[in-house]
Amino acid sequence: MLADDDCLMIPYQIGDVFISHSQEETQEMLEEAKKNLQEEIDALESRVESIQRVLADLKVQLYAKFGSNINLEADES
C-alpha cells in the first residue's frame, strides 16, 4: 500500500480540465499561480493610482475654469 504523500495525485484545474499531479508539483503550480495573480493585482493597483492622479488633476483644472458652477463630487447615495 502506498502511504507516501509524494505518491498522492492531486487534481489541478487548468481551464476546464483537471490534471493530476503530485503534491509537490501541485504546490509549485499553486505558488506560481499566486505569484502571477499578485503581479497582476499590483499592476492593476498601479494603474488605478495613475488614473486617480489624472482624474484629480483634471478635477482641479475644471474647478479652476468653472468654479462652483460644476459639481464633480460623487453622490453618497
C-alpha atoms as a PDB file:
ATOM      1  CA  MET A   1       0.000   0.000   0.000  1.00  0.00           C
ATOM      2  CA  LEU A   2       1.299   3.457  -0.859  1.00  0.00           C
ATOM      3  CA  ALA A   3       1.200   5.738   2.169  1.00  0.00           C
ATOM      4  CA  ASP A   4       3.774   8.197   0.868  1.00  0.00           C
ATOM      5  CA  ASP A   5       2.473  11.786   0.420  1.00  0.00           C
ATOM      6  CA  ASP A   6       4.521  12.215  -2.770  1.00  0.00           C
ATOM      7  CA  CYS A   7       2.558   9.421  -4.471  1.00  0.00           C
ATOM      8  CA  LEU A   8      -0.771  11.123  -3.788  1.00  0.00           C
ATOM      9  CA  MET A   9      -2.099  12.583  -7.024  1.00  0.00           C
ATOM     10  CA  ILE A  10      -3.902  15.900  -6.609  1.00  0.00           C
ATOM     11  CA  PRO A  11      -6.165  17.291  -9.355  1.00  0.00           C
ATOM     12  CA  TYR A  12      -5.246  20.800 -10.531  1.00  0.00           C
ATOM     13  CA  GLN A  13      -7.670  22.720 -12.738  1.00  0.00           C
ATOM     14  CA  ILE A  14      -6.317  24.361 -15.872  1.00  0.00           C
ATOM     15  CA  GLY A  15      -9.189  25.962 -17.749  1.00  0.00           C
ATOM     16  CA  ASP A  16     -11.976  23.382 -17.904  1.00  0.00           C
ATOM     17  CA  VAL A  17      -9.673  20.384 -17.407  1.00  0.00           C
ATOM     18  CA  PHE A  18      -8.344  18.794 -14.233  1.00  0.00           C
ATOM     19  CA  ILE A  19      -4.827  17.373 -14.450  1.00  0.00           C
ATOM     20  CA  SER A  20      -3.456  15.136 -11.700  1.00  0.00           C
ATOM     21  CA  HIS A  21      -0.020  15.979 -10.342  1.00  0.00           C
ATOM     22  CA  SER A  22       1.976  15.024  -7.303  1.00  0.00           C
ATOM     23  CA  GLN A  23       1.532  17.132  -4.193  1.00  0.00           C
ATOM     24  CA  GLU A  24       4.881  18.837  -4.773  1.00  0.00           C
ATOM     25  CA  GLU A  25       4.107  19.708  -8.408  1.00  0.00           C
ATOM     26  CA  THR A  26       0.649  20.957  -7.460  1.00  0.00           C
ATOM     27  CA  GLN A  27       2.120  23.120  -4.695  1.00  0.00           C
ATOM     28  CA  GLU A  28       4.634  24.615  -7.146  1.00  0.00           C
ATOM     29  CA  MET A  29       1.876  25.313  -9.669  1.00  0.00           C
ATOM     30  CA  LEU A  30      -0.258  26.973  -6.985  1.00  0.00           C
ATOM     31  CA  GLU A  31       2.654  29.137  -5.833  1.00  0.00           C
ATOM     32  CA  GLU A  32       3.340  30.196  -9.437  1.00  0.00           C
ATOM     33  CA  ALA A  33      -0.352  30.994  -9.989  1.00  0.00           C
ATOM     34  CA  LYS A  34      -0.436  33.046  -6.760  1.00  0.00           C
ATOM     35  CA  LYS A  35       2.697  34.923  -7.816  1.00  0.00           C
ATOM     36  CA  ASN A  36       1.246  35.688 -11.254  1.00  0.00           C
ATOM     37  CA  LEU A  37      -2.036  36.881  -9.767  1.00  0.00           C
ATOM     38  CA  GLN A  38      -0.231  39.092  -7.247  1.00  0.00           C
ATOM     39  CA  GLU A  39       1.801  40.654 -10.071  1.00  0.00           C
ATOM     40  CA  GLU A  40      -1.428  41.298 -11.986  1.00  0.00           C
ATOM     41  CA  ILE A  41      -3.043  42.830  -8.883  1.00  0.00           C
ATOM     42  CA  ASP A  42      -0.008  45.067  -8.319  1.00  0.00           C
ATOM     43  CA  ALA A  43      -0.084  46.220 -11.957  1.00  0.00           C
ATOM     44  CA  LEU A  44      -3.808  46.982 -11.757  1.00  0.00           C
ATOM     45  CA  GLU A  45      -3.420  48.861  -8.469  1.00  0.00           C
ATOM     46  CA  SER A  46      -0.628  50.914 -10.006  1.00  0.00           C
ATOM     47  CA  ARG A  47      -2.837  51.674 -12.993  1.00  0.00           C
ATOM     48  CA  VAL A  48      -5.713  52.703 -10.696  1.00  0.00           C
ATOM     49  CA  GLU A  49      -3.418  55.063  -8.772  1.00  0.00           C
ATOM     50  CA  SER A  50      -2.196  56.594 -12.029  1.00  0.00           C
ATOM     51  CA  ILE A  51      -5.745  57.125 -13.282  1.00  0.00           C
ATOM     52  CA  GLN A  52      -6.804  58.626  -9.941  1.00  0.00           C
ATOM     53  CA  ARG A  53      -3.926  61.129 -10.160  1.00  0.00           C
ATOM     54  CA  VAL A  54      -5.011  62.118 -13.683  1.00  0.00           C
ATOM     55  CA  LEU A  55      -8.623  62.488 -12.540  1.00  0.00           C
ATOM     56  CA  ALA A  56      -7.594  64.622  -9.568  1.00  0.00           C
ATOM     57  CA  ASP A  57      -5.558  66.868 -11.885  1.00  0.00           C
ATOM     58  CA  LEU A  58      -8.475  67.193 -14.298  1.00  0.00           C
ATOM     59  CA  LYS A  59     -10.801  67.955 -11.396  1.00  0.00           C
ATOM     60  CA  VAL A  60      -8.524  70.799 -10.271  1.00  0.00           C
ATOM     61  CA  GLN A  61      -8.409  72.190 -13.807  1.00  0.00           C
ATOM     62  CA  LEU A  62     -12.193  72.005 -14.209  1.00  0.00           C
ATOM     63  CA  TYR A  63     -12.859  73.659 -10.840  1.00  0.00           C
ATOM     64  CA  ALA A  64     -10.343  76.379 -11.776  1.00  0.00           C
ATOM     65  CA  LYS A  65     -12.192  77.004 -15.030  1.00  0.00           C
ATOM     66  CA  PHE A  66     -15.823  76.641 -13.891  1.00  0.00           C
ATOM     67  CA  GLY A  67     -15.596  77.355 -10.162  1.00  0.00           C
ATOM     68  CA  SER A  68     -18.643  76.364  -8.142  1.00  0.00           C
ATOM     69  CA  ASN A  69     -20.789  76.094 -11.283  1.00  0.00           C
ATOM     70  CA  ILE A  70     -19.681  72.482 -11.667  1.00  0.00           C
ATOM     71  CA  ASN A  71     -20.146  69.599  -9.242  1.00  0.00           C
ATOM     72  CA  LEU A  72     -17.596  66.804  -9.649  1.00  0.00           C
ATOM     73  CA  GLU A  73     -18.105  65.183  -6.259  1.00  0.00           C
ATOM     74  CA  ALA A  74     -19.511  61.641  -6.172  1.00  0.00           C
ATOM     75  CA  ASP A  75     -23.018  61.291  -4.780  1.00  0.00           C
ATOM     76  CA  GLU A  76     -23.179  59.492  -1.434  1.00  0.00           C
ATOM     77  CA  SER A  77     -26.386  57.565  -2.210  1.00  0.00           C
END
